């Protein structure tokens, strides 16, 4: 068989280059610092605010069903990467220490303009 052809005689085609829309975007890591936002352009020209750093979170207490804007003190642990907790990077499912107590981040702060969290109720009777 001729070089560059399949056993059936068909041609092998080169893999095509990735289009601009298929390329991965810029990875943003939201740090625990003074709140800083950036407006980015989405596809179709819509604009949205993304978070670069933040020191406040909207914490929801599931018992009272109330939400309060609270200052974040520290990032305690991040299940996806333990080194992110040391660098104080805010991401989904990270456990943060707030003025109200421990809370778990429920949204993706790098793609939205705020940090949303749910208060963790830890049983102190044990």
Protein backbone atom coordinates (compact mmCIF):
# COMPACT_ATOMS: atom_id res chain seq x y z
CA UNK A 1 0.00 0.00 0.00
CA UNK A 2 1.17 3.56 -0.66
CA UNK A 3 2.60 5.55 2.25
CA UNK A 4 0.01 7.68 4.13
CA UNK A 5 -2.93 5.46 3.24
CA UNK A 6 -5.09 3.05 5.20
CA UNK A 7 -5.22 -0.67 4.43
CA UNK A 8 -8.53 -0.02 2.67
CA UNK A 9 -6.89 2.58 0.42
CA UNK A 10 -8.44 5.63 2.14
CA UNK A 11 -6.31 8.64 3.05
CA UNK A 12 -5.21 9.62 6.55
CA UNK A 13 -6.15 13.23 7.26
CA UNK A 14 -4.11 15.49 9.50
CA UNK A 15 -5.72 16.59 12.75
CA UNK A 16 -7.11 20.07 12.37
CA UNK A 17 -5.93 23.00 14.47
CA UNK A 18 -8.19 24.12 17.32
CA UNK A 19 -10.49 27.02 16.57
CA UNK A 20 -10.37 30.12 18.78
CA UNK A 21 -13.66 29.25 20.51
CA UNK A 22 -12.41 25.73 21.35
CA UNK A 23 -9.23 26.93 23.09
CA UNK A 24 -9.23 26.95 26.90
CA UNK A 25 -9.75 30.31 28.59
CA UNK A 26 -7.50 32.06 31.07
CA UNK A 27 -7.41 30.24 34.39
CA UNK A 28 -8.41 32.66 37.15
CA UNK A 29 -7.62 31.90 40.77
CA UNK A 30 -9.60 34.03 43.21
CA UNK A 31 -7.35 35.07 46.09
CA UNK A 32 -8.33 36.12 49.61
CA UNK A 33 -7.57 39.86 49.39
CA UNK A 34 -9.38 43.15 48.98
CA UNK A 35 -12.29 42.65 46.56
CA UNK A 36 -11.34 43.17 42.91
CA UNK A 37 -13.53 42.47 39.86
CA UNK A 38 -13.01 42.53 36.12
CA UNK A 39 -15.55 42.77 33.30
CA UNK A 40 -14.93 40.22 30.55
CA UNK A 41 -16.54 39.76 27.14
CA UNK A 42 -18.39 36.49 26.59
CA UNK A 43 -19.37 34.92 23.32
CA UNK A 44 -21.98 36.92 21.43
CA UNK A 45 -20.63 40.13 22.98
CA UNK A 46 -22.33 39.89 26.37
CA UNK A 47 -20.36 41.23 29.29
CA UNK A 48 -20.04 39.69 32.76
CA UNK A 49 -18.13 40.46 35.93
CA UNK A 50 -15.60 37.92 37.17
CA UNK A 51 -13.89 37.94 40.53
CA UNK A 52 -10.10 38.26 40.83
CA UNK A 53 -9.92 38.57 44.61
CA UNK A 54 -12.39 38.89 47.46
CA UNK A 55 -12.53 39.28 51.23
CA UNK A 56 -16.31 39.01 51.67
CA UNK A 57 -18.80 36.17 51.19
CA UNK A 58 -22.59 35.93 51.16
CA UNK A 59 -23.14 33.28 53.84
CA UNK A 60 -26.50 31.51 54.15
CA UNK A 61 -27.56 29.95 57.45
CA UNK A 62 -29.82 27.03 56.55
CA UNK A 63 -31.46 26.93 60.01
CA UNK A 64 -32.71 30.52 59.93
CA UNK A 65 -32.85 30.77 56.09
CA UNK A 66 -31.07 34.16 56.25
CA UNK A 67 -28.06 35.35 54.29
CA UNK A 68 -25.48 37.85 55.50
CA UNK A 69 -22.46 39.48 53.93
CA UNK A 70 -19.52 38.38 56.09
CA UNK A 71 -15.79 38.96 56.10
CA UNK A 72 -13.65 35.92 55.23
CA UNK A 73 -10.85 35.33 57.74
CA UNK A 74 -9.04 32.34 56.27
CA UNK A 75 -9.25 29.37 53.89
CA UNK A 76 -9.12 26.21 56.00
CA UNK A 77 -9.19 23.43 53.41
CA UNK A 78 -9.81 22.78 49.72
CA UNK A 79 -10.75 19.20 48.76
CA UNK A 80 -9.53 19.54 45.16
CA UNK A 81 -5.99 20.64 46.05
CA UNK A 82 -4.55 21.02 49.55
CA UNK A 83 -1.99 23.58 48.36
CA UNK A 84 -4.76 26.02 47.40
CA UNK A 85 -5.72 26.34 51.08
CA UNK A 86 -2.17 27.37 51.93
CA UNK A 87 -2.29 30.03 49.20
CA UNK A 88 -5.74 31.27 50.37
CA UNK A 89 -7.40 30.57 47.01
CA UNK A 90 -11.22 30.63 46.97
CA UNK A 91 -12.92 27.96 44.87
CA UNK A 92 -15.99 25.75 44.91
CA UNK A 93 -16.31 23.38 47.91
CA UNK A 94 -13.53 25.13 49.84
CA UNK A 95 -14.06 25.40 53.61
CA UNK A 96 -13.58 28.99 54.77
CA UNK A 97 -13.47 30.59 58.19
CA UNK A 98 -15.81 33.58 58.49
CA UNK A 99 -16.97 35.84 61.30
CA UNK A 100 -20.08 33.63 61.64
CA UNK A 101 -18.09 30.37 61.72
CA UNK A 102 -17.02 27.75 59.19
CA UNK A 103 -18.69 27.86 55.78
CA UNK A 104 -18.49 25.94 52.51
CA UNK A 105 -18.31 27.80 49.17
CA UNK A 106 -21.16 26.67 46.91
CA UNK A 107 -20.52 28.65 43.71
CA UNK A 108 -17.57 29.11 41.35
CA UNK A 109 -16.11 32.52 42.28
CA UNK A 110 -13.70 32.62 39.32
CA UNK A 111 -16.67 32.65 36.91
CA UNK A 112 -19.08 34.80 38.90
CA UNK A 113 -18.85 38.17 40.58
CA UNK A 114 -19.29 37.03 44.19
CA UNK A 115 -18.60 34.30 46.75
CA UNK A 116 -21.64 32.33 47.97
CA UNK A 117 -21.31 30.02 50.97
CA UNK A 118 -23.40 27.85 53.31
CA UNK A 119 -22.77 27.89 57.06
CA UNK A 120 -21.58 24.52 58.40
CA UNK A 121 -23.31 23.57 61.65
CA UNK A 122 -20.77 21.61 63.68
CA UNK A 123 -22.10 19.67 66.67
CA UNK A 124 -20.15 20.85 69.74
CA UNK A 125 -21.79 18.31 72.10
CA UNK A 126 -19.38 15.51 71.09
